C-alpha atoms as a PDB file:
ATOM      1  CA  MET A   1     153.622   9.107-107.238  1.00  0.00           C
ATOM      2  CA  LYS A   2     156.883   7.595-106.435  1.00  0.00           C
ATOM      3  CA  ASN A   3     157.478   6.244-102.815  1.00  0.00           C
ATOM      4  CA  VAL A   4     160.500   4.388-102.056  1.00  0.00           C
ATOM      5  CA  PHE A   5     161.519   2.272 -98.797  1.00  0.00           C
ATOM      6  CA  ILE A   6     164.948   1.435 -97.963  1.00  0.00           C
ATOM      7  CA  SER A   7     164.702  -1.632 -95.815  1.00  0.00           C
ATOM      8  CA  GLY A   8     167.223  -2.803 -92.904  1.00  0.00           C
ATOM      9  CA  TRP A   9     169.909  -5.503 -92.947  1.00  0.00           C
ATOM     10  CA  GLY A  10     168.214  -8.623 -93.755  1.00  0.00           C
ATOM     11  CA  GLY A  11     164.837  -6.558 -94.157  1.00  0.00           C
ATOM     12  CA  TYR A  12     163.198  -8.690 -97.002  1.00  0.00           C
ATOM     13  CA  PRO A  13     159.958  -7.715 -98.249  1.00  0.00           C
ATOM     14  CA  ALA A  14     158.435 -10.677 -96.792  1.00  0.00           C
ATOM     15  CA  MET A  15     158.422  -9.182 -93.594  1.00  0.00           C
ATOM     16  CA  PHE A  16     156.048  -6.699 -94.414  1.00  0.00           C
ATOM     17  CA  GLU A  17     152.673  -7.095 -95.852  1.00  0.00           C
ATOM     18  CA  HIS A  18     151.620  -3.644 -97.290  1.00  0.00           C
ATOM     19  CA  ILE A  19     154.865  -1.517 -97.758  1.00  0.00           C
ATOM     20  CA  PRO A  20     156.546  -3.455-100.566  1.00  0.00           C
ATOM     21  CA  LYS A  21     152.978  -3.033-102.575  1.00  0.00           C
ATOM     22  CA  VAL A  22     153.294   0.723-102.403  1.00  0.00           C
ATOM     23  CA  THR A  23     156.864   1.534-102.726  1.00  0.00           C
ATOM     24  CA  ASN A  24     160.077   0.691-104.649  1.00  0.00           C
ATOM     25  CA  PHE A  25     161.532  -1.690-102.164  1.00  0.00           C
ATOM     26  CA  CYS A  26     165.328  -1.714-101.661  1.00  0.00           C
ATOM     27  CA  ILE A  27     167.299  -4.250 -99.668  1.00  0.00           C
ATOM     28  CA  PRO A  28     170.796  -2.870 -98.946  1.00  0.00           C
ATOM     29  CA  PHE A  29     173.768  -5.181 -99.916  1.00  0.00           C
ATOM     30  CA  ILE A  30     171.143  -7.322-101.655  1.00  0.00           C
ATOM     31  CA  HIS A  31     170.565  -4.634-104.191  1.00  0.00           C
ATOM     32  CA  SER A  32     173.578  -2.676-105.235  1.00  0.00           C
ATOM     33  CA  ASP A  33     174.889   0.352-103.579  1.00  0.00           C
ATOM     34  CA  LYS A  34     174.856   2.023-107.087  1.00  0.00           C
ATOM     35  CA  TYR A  35     171.059   0.905-107.410  1.00  0.00           C
ATOM     36  CA  ILE A  36     170.016   2.340-103.787  1.00  0.00           C
ATOM     37  CA  GLU A  37     172.349   5.694-104.490  1.00  0.00           C
ATOM     38  CA  ASP A  38     170.407   6.166-107.822  1.00  0.00           C
ATOM     39  CA  THR A  39     167.087   5.520-106.269  1.00  0.00           C
ATOM     40  CA  ILE A  40     167.829   8.022-103.603  1.00  0.00           C
ATOM     41  CA  SER A  41     169.113  10.590-106.279  1.00  0.00           C
ATOM     42  CA  ALA A  42     166.102  10.276-108.382  1.00  0.00           C
ATOM     43  CA  GLY A  43     163.852  11.883-105.843  1.00  0.00           C
ATOM     44  CA  GLY A  44     159.972  11.429-105.533  1.00  0.00           C
ATOM     45  CA  ASP A  45     157.277  11.820-103.156  1.00  0.00           C
ATOM     46  CA  ILE A  46     158.005   9.881 -99.837  1.00  0.00           C
ATOM     47  CA  ILE A  47     161.254   7.952 -99.082  1.00  0.00           C
ATOM     48  CA  VAL A  48     161.442   5.752 -96.049  1.00  0.00           C
ATOM     49  CA  GLY A  49     164.650   4.328 -94.511  1.00  0.00           C
ATOM     50  CA  TRP A  50     164.524   1.843 -91.748  1.00  0.00           C
ATOM     51  CA  SER A  51     167.412   0.885 -89.686  1.00  0.00           C
ATOM     52  CA  THR A  52     170.539   0.251 -91.847  1.00  0.00           C
ATOM     53  CA  GLY A  53     168.338   1.762 -94.865  1.00  0.00           C
ATOM     54  CA  ALA A  54     167.676   4.980 -92.598  1.00  0.00           C
ATOM     55  CA  HIS A  55     171.652   5.035 -91.985  1.00  0.00           C
ATOM     56  CA  ILE A  56     172.294   4.892 -95.588  1.00  0.00           C
ATOM     57  CA  LEU A  57     169.482   7.392 -96.423  1.00  0.00           C
ATOM     58  CA  SER A  58     171.090   9.593 -93.709  1.00  0.00           C
ATOM     59  CA  LYS A  59     174.388   9.792 -95.398  1.00  0.00           C
ATOM     60  CA  ALA A  60     172.929  10.705 -98.707  1.00  0.00           C
ATOM     61  CA  VAL A  61     169.901  12.963 -97.952  1.00  0.00           C
ATOM     62  CA  TRP A  62     171.499  16.210 -97.619  1.00  0.00           C
ATOM     63  CA  ARG A  63     172.557  16.256-101.244  1.00  0.00           C
ATOM     64  CA  TYR A  64     168.993  15.344-102.607  1.00  0.00           C
ATOM     65  CA  ILE A  65     166.578  16.596 -99.834  1.00  0.00           C
ATOM     66  CA  ASP A  66     165.116  19.189-102.496  1.00  0.00           C
ATOM     67  CA  ARG A  67     164.125  16.134-104.674  1.00  0.00           C
ATOM     68  CA  TRP A  68     161.891  14.538-102.055  1.00  0.00           C
ATOM     69  CA  LYS A  69     158.336  15.836-100.541  1.00  0.00           C
ATOM     70  CA  LYS A  70     159.082  13.744 -97.344  1.00  0.00           C
ATOM     71  CA  VAL A  71     161.861  11.866 -95.581  1.00  0.00           C
ATOM     72  CA  ILE A  72     161.167   9.225 -92.823  1.00  0.00           C
ATOM     73  CA  LEU A  73     164.136   7.838 -90.880  1.00  0.00           C
ATOM     74  CA  VAL A  74     163.065   4.794 -88.962  1.00  0.00           C
ATOM     75  CA  ALA A  75     165.315   3.619 -86.048  1.00  0.00           C
ATOM     76  CA  PRO A  76     168.319   5.662 -87.681  1.00  0.00           C
ATOM     77  CA  PHE A  77     171.831   5.454 -86.283  1.00  0.00           C
ATOM     78  CA  SER A  78     175.010   7.605 -87.102  1.00  0.00           C
ATOM     79  CA  ASP A  79     177.528   4.889 -85.953  1.00  0.00           C
ATOM     80  CA  PHE A  80     176.424   1.337 -85.662  1.00  0.00           C
ATOM     81  CA  THR A  81     179.238   0.501 -83.308  1.00  0.00           C
ATOM     82  CA  ASN A  82     178.053   2.856 -80.824  1.00  0.00           C
ATOM     83  CA  SER A  83     175.078   0.253 -80.413  1.00  0.00           C
ATOM     84  CA  PHE A  84     176.923  -2.913 -81.192  1.00  0.00           C
ATOM     85  CA  SER A  85     180.693  -3.397 -80.897  1.00  0.00           C
ATOM     86  CA  LYS A  86     182.996  -4.168 -83.935  1.00  0.00           C
ATOM     87  CA  LYS A  87     183.733  -7.490 -81.833  1.00  0.00           C
ATOM     88  CA  ALA A  88     180.036  -8.340 -81.779  1.00  0.00           C
ATOM     89  CA  LEU A  89     179.716  -7.904 -85.429  1.00  0.00           C
ATOM     90  CA  ASP A  90     182.767  -9.991 -86.116  1.00  0.00           C
ATOM     91  CA  ILE A  91     181.092 -12.758 -84.003  1.00  0.00           C
ATOM     92  CA  MET A  92     177.770 -12.374 -86.077  1.00  0.00           C
ATOM     93  CA  ILE A  93     179.779 -12.714 -89.414  1.00  0.00           C
ATOM     94  CA  LYS A  94     181.237 -15.748 -88.064  1.00  0.00           C
ATOM     95  CA  SER A  95     177.995 -17.293 -86.697  1.00  0.00           C
ATOM     96  CA  LEU A  96     176.332 -16.546 -90.339  1.00  0.00           C
ATOM     97  CA  ASN A  97     178.584 -19.176 -91.822  1.00  0.00           C
ATOM     98  CA  THR A  98     178.008 -21.820 -89.000  1.00  0.00           C
ATOM     99  CA  ASP A  99     174.622 -21.375 -88.378  1.00  0.00           C
ATOM    100  CA  PHE A 100     172.750 -18.923 -90.996  1.00  0.00           C
ATOM    101  CA  LEU A 101     169.161 -19.720 -89.942  1.00  0.00           C
ATOM    102  CA  GLY A 102     169.893 -19.545 -86.141  1.00  0.00           C
ATOM    103  CA  THR A 103     171.728 -16.341 -86.430  1.00  0.00           C
ATOM    104  CA  MET A 104     169.053 -14.625 -88.628  1.00  0.00           C
ATOM    105  CA  GLU A 105     166.273 -15.969 -86.475  1.00  0.00           C
ATOM    106  CA  SER A 106     168.046 -14.526 -83.237  1.00  0.00           C
ATOM    107  CA  PHE A 107     168.545 -11.194 -85.062  1.00  0.00           C
ATOM    108  CA  TYR A 108     164.965 -11.027 -86.231  1.00  0.00           C
ATOM    109  CA  LEU A 109     163.812 -11.864 -82.538  1.00  0.00           C
ATOM    110  CA  LYS A 110     166.140  -8.989 -81.158  1.00  0.00           C
ATOM    111  CA  CYS A 111     164.548  -6.710 -83.673  1.00  0.00           C
ATOM    112  CA  GLY A 112     161.097  -7.540 -82.426  1.00  0.00           C
ATOM    113  CA  PHE A 113     160.089  -9.254 -85.666  1.00  0.00           C
ATOM    114  CA  ARG A 114     158.024 -12.395 -84.791  1.00  0.00           C
ATOM    115  CA  GLY A 115     157.009 -13.580 -88.164  1.00  0.00           C
ATOM    116  CA  LYS A 116     158.775 -16.397 -90.344  1.00  0.00           C
ATOM    117  CA  ILE A 117     160.348 -15.796 -93.641  1.00  0.00           C
ATOM    118  CA  LYS A 118     162.026 -17.925 -95.961  1.00  0.00           C
ATOM    119  CA  LEU A 119     165.865 -17.112 -96.071  1.00  0.00           C
ATOM    120  CA  ASN A 120     167.983 -17.324 -99.097  1.00  0.00           C
ATOM    121  CA  LEU A 121     171.597 -19.120 -98.298  1.00  0.00           C
ATOM    122  CA  GLU A 122     172.785 -17.430-101.165  1.00  0.00           C
ATOM    123  CA  ASP A 123     172.872 -14.104 -99.560  1.00  0.00           C
ATOM    124  CA  ILE A 124     175.206 -14.967 -96.960  1.00  0.00           C
ATOM    125  CA  PHE A 125     178.155 -13.144 -98.518  1.00  0.00           C
ATOM    126  CA  LYS A 126     175.975 -10.098 -99.241  1.00  0.00           C
ATOM    127  CA  LEU A 127     174.949 -10.039 -95.483  1.00  0.00           C
ATOM    128  CA  GLU A 128     178.486 -10.362 -94.377  1.00  0.00           C
ATOM    129  CA  THR A 129     179.433  -7.374 -96.593  1.00  0.00           C
ATOM    130  CA  GLY A 130     176.548  -5.228 -94.834  1.00  0.00           C
ATOM    131  CA  LEU A 131     177.977  -6.230 -91.586  1.00  0.00           C
ATOM    132  CA  GLU A 132     181.615  -5.289 -92.545  1.00  0.00           C
ATOM    133  CA  PHE A 133     179.936  -1.866 -93.763  1.00  0.00           C
ATOM    134  CA  LEU A 134     178.305  -1.239 -90.463  1.00  0.00           C
ATOM    135  CA  LYS A 135     181.703  -1.835 -88.707  1.00  0.00           C
ATOM    136  CA  HIS A 136     183.141   1.609 -90.532  1.00  0.00           C
ATOM    137  CA  SER A 137     180.211   3.555 -91.835  1.00  0.00           C
ATOM    138  CA  LYS A 138     179.346   6.842 -89.989  1.00  0.00           C
ATOM    139  CA  VAL A 139     177.002   9.806 -90.880  1.00  0.00           C
ATOM    140  CA  ASP A 140     179.317  13.089 -90.396  1.00  0.00           C
ATOM    141  CA  LYS A 141     176.674  15.456 -92.334  1.00  0.00           C
ATOM    142  CA  GLY A 142     172.886  16.152 -91.888  1.00  0.00           C
ATOM    143  CA  CYS A 143     170.752  19.116 -93.125  1.00  0.00           C
ATOM    144  CA  ASN A 144     168.041  21.504 -91.475  1.00  0.00           C
ATOM    145  CA  SER A 145     164.907  20.496 -93.255  1.00  0.00           C
ATOM    146  CA  VAL A 146     161.276  20.159 -91.763  1.00  0.00           C
ATOM    147  CA  LYS A 147     160.942  17.394 -94.574  1.00  0.00           C
ATOM    148  CA  ILE A 148     162.399  15.052 -92.214  1.00  0.00           C
ATOM    149  CA  ASN A 149     160.855  12.925 -89.923  1.00  0.00           C
ATOM    150  CA  ILE A 150     162.549  10.494 -87.459  1.00  0.00           C
ATOM    151  CA  LEU A 151     160.688   7.541 -85.647  1.00  0.00           C
ATOM    152  CA  TYR A 152     162.214   5.530 -82.853  1.00  0.00           C
ATOM    153  CA  GLY A 153     160.712   2.828 -80.580  1.00  0.00           C
ATOM    154  CA  ASN A 154     161.809   3.229 -76.927  1.00  0.00           C
ATOM    155  CA  GLU A 155     161.740  -0.598 -76.669  1.00  0.00           C
ATOM    156  CA  ASP A 156     164.536  -1.055 -79.407  1.00  0.00           C
ATOM    157  CA  LYS A 157     167.174  -3.609 -78.385  1.00  0.00           C
ATOM    158  CA  ILE A 158     169.270  -2.511 -81.547  1.00  0.00           C
ATOM    159  CA  VAL A 159     169.926   1.136 -81.821  1.00  0.00           C
ATOM    160  CA  LYS A 160     170.905   2.719 -78.446  1.00  0.00           C
ATOM    161  CA  ARG A 161     168.810   6.151 -77.747  1.00  0.00           C
ATOM    162  CA  LYS A 162     171.998   7.992 -77.445  1.00  0.00           C
ATOM    163  CA  GLU A 163     172.579   7.340 -81.195  1.00  0.00           C
ATOM    164  CA  ILE A 164     169.056   9.082 -81.842  1.00  0.00           C
ATOM    165  CA  ASP A 165     170.094  12.157 -80.157  1.00  0.00           C
ATOM    166  CA  THR A 166     173.401  12.286 -82.274  1.00  0.00           C
ATOM    167  CA  VAL A 167     171.354  11.938 -85.342  1.00  0.00           C
ATOM    168  CA  LEU A 168     168.549  14.677 -83.915  1.00  0.00           C
ATOM    169  CA  ASN A 169     171.636  16.822 -83.642  1.00  0.00           C
ATOM    170  CA  LEU A 170     172.618  16.199 -87.362  1.00  0.00           C
ATOM    171  CA  PHE A 171     169.111  17.010 -88.448  1.00  0.00           C
ATOM    172  CA  GLU A 172     167.977  19.914 -86.327  1.00  0.00           C
ATOM    173  CA  ASN A 173     164.774  20.641 -87.700  1.00  0.00           C
ATOM    174  CA  ALA A 174     163.367  17.242 -88.062  1.00  0.00           C
ATOM    175  CA  ARG A 175     160.142  16.005 -86.391  1.00  0.00           C
ATOM    176  CA  PHE A 176     160.948  13.475 -83.765  1.00  0.00           C
ATOM    177  CA  ILE A 177     158.349  10.918 -82.999  1.00  0.00           C
ATOM    178  CA  GLU A 178     159.134   8.493 -80.189  1.00  0.00           C
ATOM    179  CA  LEU A 179     157.008   5.494 -79.821  1.00  0.00           C
ATOM    180  CA  CYS A 180     156.422   2.467 -77.454  1.00  0.00           C
ATOM    181  CA  GLN A 181     157.569  -0.034 -80.211  1.00  0.00           C
ATOM    182  CA  PRO A 182     160.764  -2.507 -80.730  1.00  0.00           C
ATOM    183  CA  HIS A 183     163.209  -1.903 -83.421  1.00  0.00           C
ATOM    184  CA  PHE A 184     161.068  -3.380 -86.025  1.00  0.00           C
ATOM    185  CA  ILE A 185     158.350  -0.726 -85.619  1.00  0.00           C
ATOM    186  CA  ASP A 186     155.016  -2.231 -86.774  1.00  0.00           C
ATOM    187  CA  GLU A 187     154.144  -1.476 -90.553  1.00  0.00           C
ATOM    188  CA  LYS A 188     150.916   0.146 -89.681  1.00  0.00           C
ATOM    189  CA  VAL A 189     152.805   2.862 -87.502  1.00  0.00           C
ATOM    190  CA  ILE A 190     155.048   3.440 -90.352  1.00  0.00           C
ATOM    191  CA  ILE A 191     152.601   3.738 -92.932  1.00  0.00           C
ATOM    192  CA  LYS A 192     150.711   6.088 -90.796  1.00  0.00           C
ATOM    193  CA  TYR A 193     153.476   8.415 -90.046  1.00  0.00           C
ATOM    194  CA  ALA A 194     155.048   8.342 -93.473  1.00  0.00           C
ATOM    195  CA  GLY A 195     151.617   8.683 -95.342  1.00  0.00           C
ATOM    196  CA  LEU A 196     152.021   5.553 -97.721  1.00  0.00           C
END
């Protein structure tokens, strides 16, 4: 069995108790783009993308859908700037350098993550690269597959609901599950719907 979890921006394994134990856990921009692309293209049983991970998976999945038994997109988006402006992302990039820990803590709280994790100051440049990516990246091609499941928390303060509608239009046959959850959907909920 090969299961993969592609986390969100700043989505370290320490944020999750069980998922890193049962998946190949990938972190965008901390792991290389090639590593993540190779992981998606390799195929397997279940692949889950959360937030930025769901965005990256959404961009690639149409090429590799036949290699996976199940695809879960958790809080995906087609264009992040429809939820957060480029100006807001520029402010966040600047604040990473002036108050790294405060910026990350504020972001995690907005996501709905209430835990504490140890952050690595050496990751600042990689995280900045991720925010620059989000200023320009768009999903412009989907696929019609019943293998795809989309989870969205209606208490999400990061991804706006209209972005979910755009993603649903790209993946017409996807199963959509709307939950009473924040952007950081409870790990037990993800495990339940993913079947991890």
